[in-house]
Amino acid sequence: MKINKTFIFFFITAIACLSFLLFLVQQFSDEKIPMGLFIILFTLLMAQAVYIFFDAKNRGEKYYFLWGLFGLLNFPSSLIIYLLITRVIIKDKNRKTY
């Protein structure tokens, strides 16, 4: 796996966005959320985003960077939407009928 500048920029952007959002949730929620839950959530979202980023890049998607950021939104809905769009909808769109 070759790590290039785009991935490093994506990874730093993803960590910054996710950290800021988790900080806002922690500061402005009435109930305090355990730190262990934040670590699990952060790990799941980052793993999902990195998988989507590399998969989209390997498949030749035009906006693979944005697909990776889309993976940060929620778990596992972003992954399901990504797989449906790239595997089913685009595949059917590119299929030629004779």
N, C-alpha and C. Protein backbone atom coordinates (compact mmCIF):
# COMPACT_ATOMS: atom_id res chain seq x y z
N MET A 1 0.84 -1.16 0.00
CA MET A 1 0.00 0.00 0.00
C MET A 1 0.89 1.23 0.00
N LYS A 2 0.73 2.04 -1.03
CA LYS A 2 1.52 3.25 -1.16
C LYS A 2 0.77 4.42 -0.52
N ILE A 3 1.42 5.08 0.41
CA ILE A 3 0.81 6.22 1.07
C ILE A 3 1.35 7.48 0.41
N ASN A 4 0.45 8.27 -0.12
CA ASN A 4 0.87 9.49 -0.81
C ASN A 4 0.38 10.73 -0.07
N LYS A 5 0.64 11.88 -0.64
CA LYS A 5 0.28 13.15 -0.01
C LYS A 5 -1.23 13.30 0.16
N THR A 6 -1.99 12.81 -0.80
CA THR A 6 -3.45 12.92 -0.71
C THR A 6 -3.98 12.17 0.50
N PHE A 7 -3.46 10.96 0.74
CA PHE A 7 -3.92 10.20 1.88
C PHE A 7 -3.52 10.87 3.20
N ILE A 8 -2.32 11.38 3.27
CA ILE A 8 -1.88 12.06 4.50
C ILE A 8 -2.76 13.27 4.77
N PHE A 9 -3.06 14.05 3.71
CA PHE A 9 -3.95 15.21 3.87
C PHE A 9 -5.34 14.76 4.30
N PHE A 10 -5.85 13.69 3.68
CA PHE A 10 -7.16 13.16 4.05
C PHE A 10 -7.16 12.71 5.50
N PHE A 11 -6.14 11.98 5.91
CA PHE A 11 -6.07 11.45 7.27
C PHE A 11 -6.02 12.56 8.30
N ILE A 12 -5.22 13.59 8.07
CA ILE A 12 -5.14 14.72 9.00
C ILE A 12 -6.46 15.47 9.04
N THR A 13 -7.07 15.69 7.88
CA THR A 13 -8.37 16.36 7.83
C THR A 13 -9.43 15.55 8.57
N ALA A 14 -9.44 14.24 8.37
CA ALA A 14 -10.41 13.37 9.02
C ALA A 14 -10.24 13.38 10.53
N ILE A 15 -9.02 13.29 10.99
CA ILE A 15 -8.78 13.31 12.45
C ILE A 15 -9.20 14.64 13.04
N ALA A 16 -8.89 15.74 12.36
CA ALA A 16 -9.26 17.06 12.86
C ALA A 16 -10.78 17.21 12.92
N CYS A 17 -11.47 16.83 11.87
CA CYS A 17 -12.94 16.96 11.84
C CYS A 17 -13.59 16.09 12.90
N LEU A 18 -13.16 14.86 12.98
CA LEU A 18 -13.75 13.93 13.94
C LEU A 18 -13.46 14.35 15.37
N SER A 19 -12.26 14.79 15.63
CA SER A 19 -11.91 15.25 16.98
C SER A 19 -12.73 16.46 17.38
N PHE A 20 -12.89 17.39 16.45
CA PHE A 20 -13.67 18.59 16.74
C PHE A 20 -15.13 18.25 17.01
N LEU A 21 -15.71 17.36 16.21
CA LEU A 21 -17.10 16.98 16.42
C LEU A 21 -17.29 16.25 17.75
N LEU A 22 -16.39 15.35 18.06
CA LEU A 22 -16.50 14.65 19.34
C LEU A 22 -16.30 15.60 20.52
N PHE A 23 -15.43 16.59 20.36
CA PHE A 23 -15.25 17.61 21.39
C PHE A 23 -16.53 18.40 21.60
N LEU A 24 -17.18 18.80 20.50
CA LEU A 24 -18.43 19.56 20.62
C LEU A 24 -19.52 18.75 21.30
N VAL A 25 -19.62 17.48 20.96
CA VAL A 25 -20.61 16.61 21.60
C VAL A 25 -20.34 16.52 23.09
N GLN A 26 -19.09 16.34 23.45
CA GLN A 26 -18.72 16.21 24.87
C GLN A 26 -19.00 17.50 25.64
N GLN A 27 -18.73 18.64 25.05
CA GLN A 27 -18.88 19.92 25.75
C GLN A 27 -20.33 20.36 25.90
N PHE A 28 -21.14 20.12 24.88
CA PHE A 28 -22.47 20.69 24.88
C PHE A 28 -23.60 19.69 25.15
N SER A 29 -23.26 18.47 25.49
CA SER A 29 -24.31 17.52 25.85
C SER A 29 -24.55 17.58 27.36
N ASP A 30 -25.78 17.33 27.75
CA ASP A 30 -26.13 17.36 29.17
C ASP A 30 -25.52 16.19 29.92
N GLU A 31 -25.45 15.04 29.26
CA GLU A 31 -24.88 13.86 29.89
C GLU A 31 -23.45 13.68 29.39
N LYS A 32 -22.58 13.30 30.27
CA LYS A 32 -21.20 13.05 29.88
C LYS A 32 -21.08 11.64 29.29
N ILE A 33 -20.44 11.55 28.17
CA ILE A 33 -20.29 10.29 27.46
C ILE A 33 -18.94 9.69 27.85
N PRO A 34 -18.89 8.40 28.17
CA PRO A 34 -17.62 7.78 28.58
C PRO A 34 -16.55 7.85 27.50
N MET A 35 -15.31 8.04 27.91
CA MET A 35 -14.20 8.17 26.97
C MET A 35 -13.99 6.89 26.17
N GLY A 36 -14.25 5.73 26.76
CA GLY A 36 -14.12 4.47 26.05
C GLY A 36 -15.03 4.40 24.84
N LEU A 37 -16.25 4.92 24.98
CA LEU A 37 -17.19 4.95 23.86
C LEU A 37 -16.67 5.85 22.75
N PHE A 38 -16.07 6.98 23.12
CA PHE A 38 -15.49 7.87 22.11
C PHE A 38 -14.35 7.19 21.36
N ILE A 39 -13.52 6.45 22.07
CA ILE A 39 -12.39 5.77 21.43
C ILE A 39 -12.89 4.71 20.46
N ILE A 40 -13.91 3.96 20.85
CA ILE A 40 -14.48 2.95 19.96
C ILE A 40 -15.11 3.60 18.74
N LEU A 41 -15.88 4.65 18.95
CA LEU A 41 -16.52 5.37 17.84
C LEU A 41 -15.49 5.96 16.90
N PHE A 42 -14.47 6.58 17.45
CA PHE A 42 -13.40 7.18 16.64
C PHE A 42 -12.70 6.11 15.80
N THR A 43 -12.40 4.96 16.40
CA THR A 43 -11.72 3.88 15.69
C THR A 43 -12.59 3.32 14.56
N LEU A 44 -13.87 3.10 14.84
CA LEU A 44 -14.77 2.58 13.81
C LEU A 44 -14.91 3.54 12.64
N LEU A 45 -15.11 4.81 12.94
CA LEU A 45 -15.29 5.79 11.87
C LEU A 45 -14.03 5.98 11.05
N MET A 46 -12.86 6.00 11.70
CA MET A 46 -11.61 6.16 10.96
C MET A 46 -11.33 4.94 10.09
N ALA A 47 -11.57 3.75 10.62
CA ALA A 47 -11.35 2.54 9.83
C ALA A 47 -12.27 2.52 8.61
N GLN A 48 -13.52 2.88 8.81
CA GLN A 48 -14.47 2.92 7.71
C GLN A 48 -14.06 3.95 6.67
N ALA A 49 -13.67 5.14 7.11
CA ALA A 49 -13.29 6.21 6.19
C ALA A 49 -12.03 5.83 5.39
N VAL A 50 -11.06 5.23 6.05
CA VAL A 50 -9.83 4.83 5.35
C VAL A 50 -10.14 3.72 4.34
N TYR A 51 -10.98 2.76 4.71
CA TYR A 51 -11.36 1.71 3.77
C TYR A 51 -12.05 2.30 2.54
N ILE A 52 -13.02 3.18 2.77
CA ILE A 52 -13.75 3.78 1.65
C ILE A 52 -12.80 4.61 0.78
N PHE A 53 -11.90 5.35 1.40
CA PHE A 53 -10.94 6.17 0.66
C PHE A 53 -10.10 5.30 -0.29
N PHE A 54 -9.48 4.25 0.25
CA PHE A 54 -8.62 3.41 -0.58
C PHE A 54 -9.40 2.61 -1.60
N ASP A 55 -10.58 2.12 -1.25
CA ASP A 55 -11.39 1.37 -2.19
C ASP A 55 -11.83 2.25 -3.35
N ALA A 56 -12.27 3.46 -3.04
CA ALA A 56 -12.69 4.38 -4.10
C ALA A 56 -11.51 4.76 -4.99
N LYS A 57 -10.37 4.96 -4.39
CA LYS A 57 -9.18 5.31 -5.18
C LYS A 57 -8.78 4.15 -6.08
N ASN A 58 -8.79 2.93 -5.55
CA ASN A 58 -8.42 1.76 -6.36
C ASN A 58 -9.42 1.47 -7.46
N ARG A 59 -10.67 1.82 -7.26
CA ARG A 59 -11.69 1.61 -8.28
C ARG A 59 -11.71 2.73 -9.32
N GLY A 60 -10.91 3.77 -9.11
CA GLY A 60 -10.84 4.85 -10.08
C GLY A 60 -11.95 5.87 -9.96
N GLU A 61 -12.53 5.98 -8.78
CA GLU A 61 -13.57 6.98 -8.57
C GLU A 61 -12.97 8.38 -8.68
N LYS A 62 -13.72 9.29 -9.26
CA LYS A 62 -13.22 10.64 -9.48
C LYS A 62 -13.05 11.41 -8.17
N TYR A 63 -13.98 11.27 -7.26
CA TYR A 63 -13.97 12.02 -6.00
C TYR A 63 -13.70 11.10 -4.81
N TYR A 64 -12.62 10.35 -4.87
CA TYR A 64 -12.32 9.40 -3.79
C TYR A 64 -12.06 10.10 -2.46
N PHE A 65 -11.54 11.32 -2.49
CA PHE A 65 -11.29 12.07 -1.26
C PHE A 65 -12.62 12.37 -0.56
N LEU A 66 -13.60 12.80 -1.32
CA LEU A 66 -14.91 13.10 -0.74
C LEU A 66 -15.62 11.83 -0.26
N TRP A 67 -15.41 10.72 -0.95
CA TRP A 67 -15.98 9.46 -0.48
C TRP A 67 -15.41 9.11 0.88
N GLY A 68 -14.11 9.34 1.05
CA GLY A 68 -13.49 9.06 2.34
C GLY A 68 -14.05 9.93 3.45
N LEU A 69 -14.26 11.21 3.15
CA LEU A 69 -14.85 12.10 4.15
C LEU A 69 -16.30 11.71 4.44
N PHE A 70 -17.00 11.22 3.43
CA PHE A 70 -18.37 10.73 3.63
C PHE A 70 -18.39 9.57 4.62
N GLY A 71 -17.32 8.80 4.64
CA GLY A 71 -17.23 7.67 5.56
C GLY A 71 -17.13 8.08 7.02
N LEU A 72 -16.86 9.36 7.29
CA LEU A 72 -16.77 9.85 8.66
C LEU A 72 -18.13 10.20 9.27
N LEU A 73 -19.15 10.24 8.46
CA LEU A 73 -20.44 10.74 8.95
C LEU A 73 -21.09 9.82 9.97
N ASN A 74 -21.22 8.56 9.63
CA ASN A 74 -21.83 7.62 10.58
C ASN A 74 -21.43 6.20 10.23
N PHE A 75 -21.71 5.31 11.14
CA PHE A 75 -21.32 3.91 10.95
C PHE A 75 -22.54 3.04 11.12
N PRO A 76 -22.83 2.13 10.31
CA PRO A 76 -22.27 1.68 9.05
C PRO A 76 -23.02 2.20 7.83
N SER A 77 -23.92 3.17 8.02
CA SER A 77 -24.73 3.66 6.90
C SER A 77 -23.90 4.20 5.75
N SER A 78 -22.83 4.91 6.05
CA SER A 78 -21.99 5.46 4.99
C SER A 78 -21.37 4.34 4.15
N LEU A 79 -20.94 3.29 4.80
CA LEU A 79 -20.35 2.17 4.08
C LEU A 79 -21.39 1.47 3.21
N ILE A 80 -22.57 1.29 3.73
CA ILE A 80 -23.64 0.64 2.96
C ILE A 80 -24.01 1.48 1.75
N ILE A 81 -24.16 2.78 1.92
CA ILE A 81 -24.49 3.67 0.80
C ILE A 81 -23.37 3.65 -0.24
N TYR A 82 -22.12 3.72 0.23
CA TYR A 82 -20.99 3.68 -0.69
C TYR A 82 -20.99 2.40 -1.51
N LEU A 83 -21.16 1.27 -0.84
CA LEU A 83 -21.15 -0.01 -1.55
C LEU A 83 -22.31 -0.13 -2.53
N LEU A 84 -23.48 0.35 -2.15
CA LEU A 84 -24.63 0.30 -3.06
C LEU A 84 -24.39 1.16 -4.29
N ILE A 85 -23.89 2.35 -4.09
CA ILE A 85 -23.69 3.26 -5.22
C ILE A 85 -22.58 2.77 -6.13
N THR A 86 -21.46 2.38 -5.58
CA THR A 86 -20.33 2.00 -6.43
C THR A 86 -20.44 0.60 -6.99
N ARG A 87 -21.09 -0.31 -6.30
CA ARG A 87 -21.16 -1.69 -6.77
C ARG A 87 -22.42 -1.98 -7.57
N VAL A 88 -23.54 -1.35 -7.21
CA VAL A 88 -24.81 -1.69 -7.85
C VAL A 88 -25.23 -0.63 -8.86
N ILE A 89 -25.35 0.61 -8.43
CA ILE A 89 -25.91 1.65 -9.29
C ILE A 89 -24.96 1.98 -10.44
N ILE A 90 -23.70 2.24 -10.14
CA ILE A 90 -22.76 2.59 -11.19
C ILE A 90 -22.49 1.39 -12.10
N LYS A 91 -22.46 0.19 -11.53
CA LYS A 91 -22.26 -1.01 -12.33
C LYS A 91 -23.41 -1.18 -13.32
N ASP A 92 -24.64 -0.98 -12.87
CA ASP A 92 -25.80 -1.08 -13.75
C ASP A 92 -25.80 0.03 -14.79
N LYS A 93 -25.32 1.19 -14.42
CA LYS A 93 -25.27 2.33 -15.34
C LYS A 93 -24.27 2.08 -16.46
N ASN A 94 -23.15 1.43 -16.13
CA ASN A 94 -22.11 1.16 -17.12
C ASN A 94 -22.39 -0.09 -17.94
N ARG A 95 -23.36 -0.87 -17.55
CA ARG A 95 -23.68 -2.11 -18.28
C ARG A 95 -24.31 -1.74 -19.61
N LYS A 96 -23.83 -2.34 -20.65
CA LYS A 96 -24.35 -2.08 -21.99
C LYS A 96 -25.43 -3.10 -22.31
N THR A 97 -26.48 -2.62 -22.90
CA THR A 97 -27.54 -3.52 -23.33
C THR A 97 -27.42 -3.70 -24.84
N TYR A 98 -27.63 -4.92 -25.29
CA TYR A 98 -27.49 -5.21 -26.71
C TYR A 98 -28.82 -5.46 -27.32
